[in-house]
Structures are given as structure tokens and as C-alpha cells.
């Protein structure tokens, strides 16, 4: 079965990322959705400035984003493989266990551990993972409850306006 993106609001999120905390080479995930970059897309920070904007390369292109619309990809985040290597499981949720400075992400799937380039991964949020039957989510019930009480746009007051 194909893993469909969640239509629910984003889960409880870590604090907003000020531009000075983001550095060239960091991997981030985008929290919004538009016609060019889907929610959950993983990107590579090209430039971070004190203006509240960060320049990020996604598979679809390079754009400036508000720092409040991206989150660092971290060990423990859930991902799925969207590349073309037949040895790596498709349509399966895995857990990132290490992020290397080279942009390679070590991911643990039920089929084994793989080192995968960031560009071949997509972030999977907790509601999507639960709907797909993924059960290795610590404190999932607590996170879901926190998200429900956070309001319609989750923490941070995201809007659907320009990036």
C-alpha cells in the first residue's frame, strides 16, 4: 500500500528554528504544502541569514523559506524511501537513526538498516505513520493529544501564505 500524506494539522513541533541556528548543510523538513514542494519534503540548507529566511534545496528546486516553516531533520524522525534502488524497501516507514554531515541518513526499516541520500527520503508524520500501521512510536498517544489541543495550525501558528 502507498503511504498517503496526512491531512491532519502538524503534530506538536519543536521550537521554531531561528536562522542563526540553521547552518549550511543542515537537513530540514518543510511543514507546509504547495504545488511545488509537498509537506514533509526533506531539503538541504544552502544559506541561512538573520533575516528570518533560509535558502533550501529540495528535490523540486531551490527557494527561500521562512525559518518558521522548516524543522531540522533529526535522529528518530520517521521517513519513507522515494528513490529507485530496488534493494531499499519502498512504501515502508523507517526511523532515521543517524544523520551524517554528508547528507546521508542512516535509516532503520524492518528489513534492515540502510544509508540513504537525503534527496531519496520523505518525512512521515505521526498521524500518517499510525494510519499506515507503524507502531514503533514512543509516546504517540501523548503527542496526538498535545497536537489536538494546539489549535488548527499546530504550534507556531503556521499560515498557508507565501513561503
Protein backbone atom coordinates (compact mmCIF):
# COMPACT_ATOMS: atom_id res chain seq x y z
CA UNK A 1 0.00 0.00 0.00
CA UNK A 2 1.14 3.54 -0.75
CA UNK A 3 1.71 5.85 2.20
CA UNK A 4 -0.55 8.87 1.76
CA UNK A 5 0.42 12.17 3.40
CA UNK A 6 -1.55 13.24 6.44
CA UNK A 7 -4.34 15.76 6.05
CA UNK A 8 -4.28 16.44 9.78
CA UNK A 9 -2.58 19.53 11.24
CA UNK A 10 1.13 19.14 12.05
CA UNK A 11 1.92 17.37 15.35
CA UNK A 12 3.40 19.12 18.39
CA UNK A 13 6.57 20.64 16.97
CA UNK A 14 9.92 21.59 18.46
CA UNK A 15 10.57 25.32 18.97
CA UNK A 16 10.79 27.49 15.87
CA UNK A 17 14.16 27.47 14.11
CA UNK A 18 15.84 30.88 14.14
CA UNK A 19 18.01 31.42 11.05
CA UNK A 20 21.16 31.66 13.15
CA UNK A 21 20.61 28.06 14.38
CA UNK A 22 20.34 26.71 10.84
CA UNK A 23 23.62 26.23 9.06
CA UNK A 24 24.67 25.42 5.52
CA UNK A 25 24.40 21.65 5.07
CA UNK A 26 21.66 21.05 7.69
CA UNK A 27 18.80 18.81 6.60
CA UNK A 28 15.32 20.22 7.18
CA UNK A 29 11.73 19.19 6.51
CA UNK A 30 9.11 21.60 5.22
CA UNK A 31 5.94 21.93 7.29
CA UNK A 32 3.61 23.42 4.67
CA UNK A 33 2.39 22.28 1.25
CA UNK A 34 2.12 23.94 -2.13
CA UNK A 35 2.15 22.99 -5.78
CA UNK A 36 5.95 22.84 -5.93
CA UNK A 37 7.09 21.39 -2.60
CA UNK A 38 4.90 18.88 -0.73
CA UNK A 39 4.59 18.86 3.06
CA UNK A 40 7.22 16.56 4.54
CA UNK A 41 9.74 17.15 1.77
CA UNK A 42 13.32 17.00 3.02
CA UNK A 43 15.74 19.68 1.92
CA UNK A 44 19.33 20.82 2.32
CA UNK A 45 20.09 24.28 3.75
CA UNK A 46 22.15 26.26 1.24
CA UNK A 47 22.21 29.55 3.17
CA UNK A 48 20.73 30.87 6.43
CA UNK A 49 20.54 34.58 7.12
CA UNK A 50 19.48 36.67 10.08
CA UNK A 51 16.51 37.94 8.04
CA UNK A 52 14.23 35.09 9.11
CA UNK A 53 14.67 33.38 5.77
CA UNK A 54 16.58 30.25 4.87
CA UNK A 55 17.61 29.17 1.37
CA UNK A 56 16.82 25.45 0.97
CA UNK A 57 17.41 22.99 -1.87
CA UNK A 58 14.58 20.50 -2.25
CA UNK A 59 14.40 17.86 -4.99
CA UNK A 60 11.99 20.18 -6.82
CA UNK A 61 14.29 23.24 -6.74
CA UNK A 62 15.83 25.92 -4.51
CA UNK A 63 13.74 28.54 -2.71
CA UNK A 64 13.79 30.91 0.26
CA UNK A 65 11.55 29.84 3.11
CA UNK A 66 10.54 31.46 6.37
CA UNK A 67 12.53 29.79 9.13
CA UNK A 68 9.26 29.13 10.96
CA UNK A 69 8.16 26.76 8.17
CA UNK A 70 11.08 24.34 8.38
CA UNK A 71 12.24 21.96 11.11
CA UNK A 72 15.56 20.18 11.41
CA UNK A 73 15.52 16.54 10.42
CA UNK A 74 16.65 14.65 13.50
CA UNK A 75 17.55 11.13 14.53
CA UNK A 76 14.28 9.41 15.45
CA UNK A 77 12.23 11.12 12.74
CA UNK A 78 10.16 8.78 10.57
CA UNK A 79 10.86 8.64 6.84
CA UNK A 80 9.99 6.65 3.75
CA UNK A 81 12.22 5.89 0.78
CA UNK A 82 11.23 7.51 -2.52
CA UNK A 83 14.29 6.57 -4.59
CA UNK A 84 14.78 3.92 -7.25
CA UNK A 85 17.15 1.40 -5.61
CA UNK A 86 15.24 -1.90 -5.55
CA UNK A 87 17.25 -3.15 -2.54
CA UNK A 88 15.81 -0.45 -0.28
CA UNK A 89 12.20 -1.01 0.84
CA UNK A 90 9.55 1.22 -0.78
CA UNK A 91 6.22 2.20 0.79
CA UNK A 92 7.59 1.24 4.21
CA UNK A 93 8.16 3.57 7.14
CA UNK A 94 11.58 3.63 8.73
CA UNK A 95 13.23 5.54 11.54
CA UNK A 96 16.23 7.77 10.97
CA UNK A 97 18.96 6.72 13.38
CA UNK A 98 21.85 8.95 12.31
CA UNK A 99 22.28 11.95 10.05
CA UNK A 100 25.75 12.35 8.61
CA UNK A 101 27.24 15.76 7.65
CA UNK A 102 27.47 14.45 4.07
CA UNK A 103 23.65 14.41 3.73
CA UNK A 104 23.44 10.64 4.13
CA UNK A 105 20.77 9.43 6.54
CA UNK A 106 21.03 6.04 8.25
CA UNK A 107 17.51 4.58 8.35
CA UNK A 108 16.27 1.50 10.14
CA UNK A 109 13.49 -0.38 8.35
CA UNK A 110 12.07 -3.75 9.45
CA UNK A 111 14.06 -5.19 6.50
CA UNK A 112 17.38 -3.79 7.77
CA UNK A 113 19.46 -0.63 8.12
CA UNK A 114 20.33 1.44 5.04
CA UNK A 115 22.39 4.58 4.40
CA UNK A 116 20.34 6.74 2.06
CA UNK A 117 20.96 10.18 0.47
CA UNK A 118 18.58 12.81 1.86
CA UNK A 119 17.15 13.52 -1.59
CA UNK A 120 15.63 10.00 -1.71
CA UNK A 121 13.69 10.36 1.56
CA UNK A 122 10.39 11.90 2.61
CA UNK A 123 9.44 12.78 6.20
CA UNK A 124 6.42 10.90 7.60
CA UNK A 125 4.41 12.49 10.38
CA UNK A 126 3.00 10.51 13.32
CA UNK A 127 -0.69 10.51 12.22
CA UNK A 128 0.33 9.19 8.79
CA UNK A 129 2.56 6.54 10.38
CA UNK A 130 -0.21 5.38 12.71
CA UNK A 131 -2.74 5.15 9.85
CA UNK A 132 -0.22 3.04 7.93
CA UNK A 133 0.06 0.67 10.90
CA UNK A 134 3.54 1.76 12.03
CA UNK A 135 3.70 1.02 15.77
CA UNK A 136 7.25 1.96 16.87
CA UNK A 137 6.31 5.47 18.00
CA UNK A 138 7.17 6.29 21.63
CA UNK A 139 4.55 8.47 23.33
CA UNK A 140 2.36 8.55 20.20
CA UNK A 141 -0.86 8.92 22.20
CA UNK A 142 0.62 11.80 24.19
CA UNK A 143 1.85 13.53 21.03
CA UNK A 144 -1.52 13.11 19.33
CA UNK A 145 -3.32 14.59 22.38
CA UNK A 146 -0.88 17.52 22.52
CA UNK A 147 -1.44 18.21 18.83
CA UNK A 148 -5.22 18.21 19.18
CA UNK A 149 -5.03 20.88 21.88
CA UNK A 150 -2.58 23.03 19.90
CA UNK A 151 -5.22 24.59 17.63
CA UNK A 152 -5.98 24.16 13.95
CA UNK A 153 -2.47 25.03 12.78
CA UNK A 154 -0.43 23.29 15.47
CA UNK A 155 2.30 25.09 17.38
CA UNK A 156 3.77 28.14 15.75
CA UNK A 157 0.63 29.48 14.04
CA UNK A 158 1.53 28.48 10.50
CA UNK A 159 -0.43 30.02 7.72
CA UNK A 160 -0.90 28.87 4.17
CA UNK A 161 0.58 32.13 2.87
CA UNK A 162 3.84 32.58 0.99
CA UNK A 163 6.88 30.61 1.99
